[in-house]
Amino acid sequence: MSDSSPSTGSGRSRAPPTRRRLFEAVVVREVRTVVRARSLLLLAATLTAVVVGITWIGDGFTAGYLPSIVDLLTPLELLVPIVAIAFGYRAILGDQQRGELDVLETYPVSARELVLGVYAGRAIGLAVTIAVALAIAAIAIAVGGDDPVRVYASHSGADSPILFARFLVLTVLFGLAVLAVAVAISAVVSVTRSALGLSVVALVALLVGFDLAIVYGLAEGIVGDADLLYTLAASPLSAYRGLVLETTVIVASGTGPRVASPVASLVGLVIWTVASLAVAVWAVGR
């Protein structure tokens, strides 16, 4: 990011970097950081191995796309947040510890542009990690499936790679929402130990806390039965689960009650992403 302005041969100084160039420099730097981080590459390889392994153990390679989605949904509800937190919990903190946040005083880049650049770079790495893992599983299913619709034989043609592609996109969106939370954590803490501790708290809240709060609200009558489909969108995990079930499993099988509102769930993930990035911008700019 050091676009200094040395003198040119004609004696004129080079123009200072524009906001767009600085934003692009931040994005490229973060992508390079992800590519060079052996721990993140190992995590990506582990995720791929787990996804392919679950698909193989569950006979997804021969059963088809839809059974594989059902097998992968619960493990990914746990694995994706862990991977997303690992990608982002030190994103801003690392800059702070190296003194690179001083760029806000040196160059014409705002806290918002810096945070969005960091998030965009990390998001590219995370999206590729998740997409590659699921794409490899999808290719294996396409090559190894003998009778891809035998489980859902009453709905001929229901099992489709389009459903798996939809599952892949929704999983990436879920990961990006959790990544935004991780970036916010990295912006509000000042030491690595605090980042780790807050990340663990965030994981527990995302994986268990919000769902338990919804169950408690339902049991105490705070949340009515009619409102449950929309209340689930308040939890990123429930929003993701509801989106997958509503847009892949239930759509394909054609049976079963509604388990979530797809629109509300999608809006819930967007709100989590935007709100978390807003917190990060506030923390960096203060």
Protein backbone atom coordinates (compact mmCIF):
# COMPACT_ATOMS: atom_id res chain seq x y z
CA MET A 1 0.00 0.00 0.00
CA SER A 2 3.02 2.26 -0.09
CA ASP A 3 2.25 4.31 -3.21
CA SER A 4 4.80 6.97 -2.46
CA SER A 5 5.29 9.80 -4.89
CA PRO A 6 8.93 9.93 -5.94
CA SER A 7 10.07 12.51 -8.44
CA THR A 8 9.97 11.56 -12.09
CA GLY A 9 12.73 12.14 -14.55
CA SER A 10 11.17 15.45 -15.65
CA GLY A 11 11.25 16.82 -12.10
CA ARG A 12 7.53 16.53 -11.56
CA SER A 13 6.13 14.53 -8.65
CA ARG A 14 3.89 11.58 -9.34
CA ALA A 15 0.24 12.22 -8.52
CA PRO A 16 -0.88 10.81 -5.16
CA PRO A 17 -2.88 7.57 -5.33
CA THR A 18 -6.60 7.93 -5.79
CA ARG A 19 -9.19 6.48 -3.42
CA ARG A 20 -10.03 3.81 -5.97
CA ARG A 21 -6.39 2.74 -6.33
CA LEU A 22 -5.98 2.61 -2.57
CA PHE A 23 -9.15 0.54 -2.19
CA GLU A 24 -7.95 -1.87 -4.87
CA ALA A 25 -4.54 -2.04 -3.18
CA VAL A 26 -6.19 -3.06 0.09
CA VAL A 27 -8.25 -5.76 -1.65
CA VAL A 28 -5.23 -7.15 -3.50
CA ARG A 29 -3.15 -7.10 -0.32
CA GLU A 30 -5.78 -9.10 1.56
CA VAL A 31 -6.09 -11.66 -1.23
CA ARG A 32 -2.31 -12.10 -1.18
CA THR A 33 -2.38 -12.43 2.60
CA VAL A 34 -4.94 -15.22 2.33
CA VAL A 35 -3.00 -17.01 -0.41
CA ARG A 36 0.27 -16.81 1.54
CA ALA A 37 -1.19 -17.85 4.90
CA ARG A 38 -0.41 -21.55 5.28
CA SER A 39 -2.89 -21.91 8.12
CA LEU A 40 -5.74 -20.66 5.93
CA LEU A 41 -4.67 -22.89 3.04
CA LEU A 42 -4.57 -25.85 5.41
CA LEU A 43 -8.02 -24.90 6.67
CA ALA A 44 -9.31 -24.73 3.09
CA ALA A 45 -7.84 -28.16 2.31
CA THR A 46 -9.37 -29.56 5.50
CA LEU A 47 -12.80 -28.18 4.61
CA THR A 48 -12.58 -29.74 1.16
CA ALA A 49 -11.53 -33.08 2.61
CA VAL A 50 -14.39 -33.03 5.14
CA VAL A 51 -16.99 -32.10 2.52
CA VAL A 52 -15.82 -34.79 0.09
CA GLY A 53 -15.50 -37.30 2.93
CA ILE A 54 -19.03 -36.70 4.21
CA THR A 55 -20.39 -37.00 0.68
CA TRP A 56 -18.54 -40.27 0.17
CA ILE A 57 -19.50 -41.77 3.56
CA GLY A 58 -23.15 -40.81 3.02
CA ASP A 59 -23.14 -42.45 -0.45
CA GLY A 60 -23.81 -39.03 -1.95
CA PHE A 61 -21.65 -39.89 -4.96
CA THR A 62 -24.24 -42.47 -5.99
CA ALA A 63 -27.40 -41.18 -4.29
CA GLY A 64 -27.40 -37.75 -5.95
CA TYR A 65 -27.27 -34.04 -5.23
CA LEU A 66 -30.25 -33.67 -2.94
CA PRO A 67 -29.28 -36.43 -0.47
CA SER A 68 -25.80 -34.91 -0.39
CA ILE A 69 -27.26 -31.50 0.50
CA VAL A 70 -29.14 -33.09 3.39
CA ASP A 71 -25.95 -34.85 4.57
CA LEU A 72 -23.80 -31.72 4.29
CA LEU A 73 -26.18 -29.15 5.78
CA THR A 74 -25.60 -29.89 9.47
CA PRO A 75 -21.78 -30.26 9.26
CA LEU A 76 -21.51 -27.02 7.27
CA GLU A 77 -23.60 -25.20 9.87
CA LEU A 78 -20.66 -25.84 12.19
CA LEU A 79 -17.71 -25.74 9.80
CA VAL A 80 -18.51 -22.59 7.82
CA PRO A 81 -18.63 -20.28 10.87
CA ILE A 82 -15.33 -21.71 12.14
CA VAL A 83 -13.64 -21.16 8.77
CA ALA A 84 -15.16 -17.68 8.39
CA ILE A 85 -14.01 -16.60 11.86
CA ALA A 86 -10.51 -17.90 11.11
CA PHE A 87 -10.42 -15.85 7.90
CA GLY A 88 -11.42 -12.60 9.57
CA TYR A 89 -10.77 -12.43 13.31
CA ARG A 90 -7.36 -10.72 12.86
CA ALA A 91 -8.01 -8.87 9.60
CA ILE A 92 -8.14 -5.35 11.05
CA LEU A 93 -6.26 -6.20 14.25
CA GLY A 94 -3.21 -7.21 12.24
CA ASP A 95 -3.13 -3.81 10.54
CA GLN A 96 -3.50 -2.10 13.90
CA GLN A 97 -0.64 -4.05 15.46
CA ARG A 98 1.65 -3.30 12.50
CA GLY A 99 0.73 0.38 12.57
CA GLU A 100 -0.76 0.25 9.08
CA LEU A 101 -3.96 1.99 10.17
CA ASP A 102 -1.87 5.17 10.05
CA VAL A 103 -2.65 5.09 6.34
CA LEU A 104 -5.93 6.80 7.25
CA GLU A 105 -3.95 9.90 8.20
CA THR A 106 -1.50 9.72 5.29
CA TYR A 107 -3.63 8.87 2.28
CA PRO A 108 -7.14 9.90 1.18
CA VAL A 109 -8.78 6.65 2.27
CA SER A 110 -11.61 6.58 4.76
CA ALA A 111 -12.29 4.05 7.50
CA ARG A 112 -15.22 2.78 5.46
CA GLU A 113 -13.07 2.18 2.38
CA LEU A 114 -10.39 0.45 4.41
CA VAL A 115 -12.85 -1.88 6.13
CA LEU A 116 -14.68 -2.68 2.90
CA GLY A 117 -11.37 -3.33 1.14
CA VAL A 118 -10.22 -5.70 3.89
CA TYR A 119 -13.60 -7.43 3.90
CA ALA A 120 -13.70 -7.74 0.11
CA GLY A 121 -10.24 -9.30 -0.04
CA ARG A 122 -10.99 -11.79 2.73
CA ALA A 123 -14.43 -12.48 1.24
CA ILE A 124 -12.86 -13.48 -2.07
CA GLY A 125 -10.64 -15.99 -0.30
CA LEU A 126 -13.47 -17.38 1.82
CA ALA A 127 -15.89 -17.61 -1.11
CA VAL A 128 -13.33 -19.49 -3.21
CA THR A 129 -12.59 -21.84 -0.29
CA ILE A 130 -16.24 -22.76 0.20
CA ALA A 131 -17.06 -22.87 -3.51
CA VAL A 132 -14.11 -25.12 -4.40
CA ALA A 133 -14.94 -27.60 -1.64
CA LEU A 134 -18.57 -27.91 -2.73
CA ALA A 135 -17.74 -27.83 -6.44
CA ILE A 136 -15.40 -30.80 -6.06
CA ALA A 137 -18.17 -32.71 -4.29
CA ALA A 138 -20.64 -31.76 -7.04
CA ILE A 139 -18.26 -32.95 -9.77
CA ALA A 140 -17.75 -36.25 -7.93
CA ILE A 141 -21.53 -36.70 -7.69
CA ALA A 142 -21.95 -35.95 -11.40
CA VAL A 143 -19.28 -38.47 -12.34
CA GLY A 144 -20.14 -41.21 -9.86
CA GLY A 145 -23.94 -41.14 -9.72
CA ASP A 146 -25.61 -44.30 -11.08
CA ASP A 147 -29.18 -43.56 -10.09
CA PRO A 148 -29.29 -39.97 -8.88
CA VAL A 149 -33.04 -39.82 -8.23
CA ARG A 150 -33.69 -43.13 -6.56
CA VAL A 151 -34.32 -41.55 -3.14
CA TYR A 152 -36.88 -39.16 -4.59
CA ALA A 153 -38.26 -41.46 -7.23
CA SER A 154 -41.79 -40.10 -6.83
CA HIS A 155 -40.54 -36.74 -8.11
CA SER A 156 -38.82 -37.57 -11.34
CA GLY A 157 -36.12 -35.04 -12.22
CA ALA A 158 -36.27 -33.33 -8.83
CA ASP A 159 -32.63 -34.07 -8.10
CA SER A 160 -30.63 -31.54 -10.07
CA PRO A 161 -27.20 -29.88 -10.10
CA ILE A 162 -29.11 -26.59 -10.04
CA LEU A 163 -30.22 -27.40 -6.50
CA PHE A 164 -26.63 -28.08 -5.48
CA ALA A 165 -25.51 -24.82 -7.10
CA ARG A 166 -28.19 -23.02 -5.10
CA PHE A 167 -26.91 -24.73 -1.96
CA LEU A 168 -23.37 -23.61 -2.80
CA VAL A 169 -24.43 -19.96 -3.23
CA LEU A 170 -26.41 -19.94 0.03
CA THR A 171 -23.48 -21.48 1.90
CA VAL A 172 -21.16 -18.78 0.56
CA LEU A 173 -23.64 -16.06 1.62
CA PHE A 174 -23.78 -17.58 5.10
CA GLY A 175 -20.01 -17.62 5.28
CA LEU A 176 -19.77 -13.99 4.17
CA ALA A 177 -22.23 -12.92 6.87
CA VAL A 178 -20.14 -14.64 9.56
CA LEU A 179 -16.96 -13.18 8.03
CA ALA A 180 -18.42 -9.69 8.52
CA VAL A 181 -18.92 -10.51 12.20
CA ALA A 182 -15.29 -11.65 12.40
CA VAL A 183 -14.06 -8.42 10.77
CA ALA A 184 -16.08 -6.43 13.30
CA ILE A 185 -14.44 -8.40 16.11
CA SER A 186 -11.00 -7.70 14.66
CA ALA A 187 -11.79 -3.98 14.60
CA VAL A 188 -13.04 -3.57 18.18
CA VAL A 189 -10.25 -5.47 19.97
CA SER A 190 -6.66 -4.38 20.51
CA VAL A 191 -4.83 -7.63 21.28
CA THR A 192 -4.85 -11.11 19.75
CA ARG A 193 -5.96 -12.78 22.97
CA SER A 194 -9.04 -10.58 23.08
CA ALA A 195 -9.76 -11.38 19.44
CA LEU A 196 -9.58 -15.11 20.15
CA GLY A 197 -11.79 -14.85 23.22
CA LEU A 198 -14.40 -12.71 21.50
CA SER A 199 -14.33 -15.02 18.47
CA VAL A 200 -15.13 -18.00 20.69
CA VAL A 201 -18.00 -16.07 22.27
CA ALA A 202 -19.27 -15.12 18.81
CA LEU A 203 -19.10 -18.74 17.63
CA VAL A 204 -21.06 -19.97 20.64
CA ALA A 205 -23.66 -17.22 20.12
CA LEU A 206 -23.96 -17.95 16.39
CA LEU A 207 -24.06 -21.74 16.73
CA VAL A 208 -26.15 -22.06 19.87
CA GLY A 209 -27.07 -18.80 21.57
CA PHE A 210 -29.46 -17.22 19.10
CA ASP A 211 -31.30 -20.46 18.41
CA LEU A 212 -31.72 -21.07 22.14
CA ALA A 213 -33.02 -17.53 22.57
CA ILE A 214 -35.64 -18.15 19.87
CA VAL A 215 -36.65 -21.46 21.49
CA TYR A 216 -36.95 -19.72 24.87
CA GLY A 217 -39.05 -16.95 23.34
CA LEU A 218 -41.33 -19.53 21.77
CA ALA A 219 -41.68 -21.48 25.01
CA GLU A 220 -42.46 -18.34 27.03
CA GLY A 221 -44.97 -17.05 24.51
CA ILE A 222 -42.81 -14.07 23.56
CA VAL A 223 -42.63 -15.39 20.01
CA GLY A 224 -45.94 -16.57 18.56
CA ASP A 225 -46.30 -19.56 16.27
CA ALA A 226 -47.30 -17.30 13.40
CA ASP A 227 -44.17 -15.18 13.85
CA LEU A 228 -41.72 -18.06 14.16
CA LEU A 229 -40.98 -18.28 10.43
CA TYR A 230 -39.82 -14.66 10.46
CA THR A 231 -38.16 -14.71 13.89
CA LEU A 232 -35.78 -17.44 12.73
CA ALA A 233 -34.20 -14.87 10.42
CA ALA A 234 -32.74 -13.14 13.50
CA SER A 235 -30.23 -15.99 13.82
CA PRO A 236 -27.70 -16.27 10.95
CA LEU A 237 -27.55 -20.03 11.45
CA SER A 238 -31.34 -20.46 11.40
CA ALA A 239 -31.60 -18.10 8.44
CA TYR A 240 -29.10 -20.21 6.49
CA ARG A 241 -30.76 -23.48 7.46
CA GLY A 242 -34.19 -22.15 6.54
CA LEU A 243 -33.00 -20.87 3.17
CA VAL A 244 -31.44 -24.21 2.28
CA LEU A 245 -34.45 -26.24 3.34
CA GLU A 246 -36.97 -23.95 1.67
CA THR A 247 -35.14 -23.41 -1.61
CA THR A 248 -33.65 -26.87 -2.17
CA VAL A 249 -35.06 -29.74 -0.09
CA ILE A 250 -38.72 -28.75 0.21
CA VAL A 251 -38.85 -27.29 -3.29
CA ALA A 252 -37.50 -30.52 -4.75
CA SER A 253 -39.57 -32.94 -2.69
CA GLY A 254 -42.76 -30.91 -3.00
CA THR A 255 -43.88 -31.91 0.49
CA GLY A 256 -43.51 -30.72 4.05
CA PRO A 257 -44.52 -27.62 6.01
CA ARG A 258 -42.77 -24.29 5.65
CA VAL A 259 -39.77 -24.03 7.95
CA ALA A 260 -38.75 -20.42 7.27
CA SER A 261 -39.45 -17.34 5.20
CA PRO A 262 -36.83 -17.21 2.42
CA VAL A 263 -37.18 -13.44 2.01
CA ALA A 264 -36.89 -12.76 5.74
CA SER A 265 -33.95 -15.17 6.04
CA LEU A 266 -32.09 -13.52 3.18
CA VAL A 267 -32.77 -10.08 4.62
CA GLY A 268 -31.53 -11.35 7.99
CA LEU A 269 -28.17 -12.40 6.52
CA VAL A 270 -27.83 -9.06 4.74
CA ILE A 271 -28.59 -7.13 7.93
CA TRP A 272 -26.01 -9.14 9.87
CA THR A 273 -23.41 -8.42 7.18
CA VAL A 274 -24.12 -4.69 6.88
CA ALA A 275 -24.47 -4.12 10.63
CA SER A 276 -21.22 -5.93 11.40
CA LEU A 277 -19.31 -3.94 8.79
CA ALA A 278 -20.84 -0.74 10.16
CA VAL A 279 -19.48 -1.64 13.61
CA ALA A 280 -16.06 -2.28 12.08
CA VAL A 281 -16.09 1.10 10.31
CA TRP A 282 -17.08 2.85 13.53
CA ALA A 283 -14.32 1.09 15.49
CA VAL A 284 -11.63 1.92 12.93
CA GLY A 285 -12.70 5.53 12.57
CA ARG A 286 -13.00 6.36 16.26
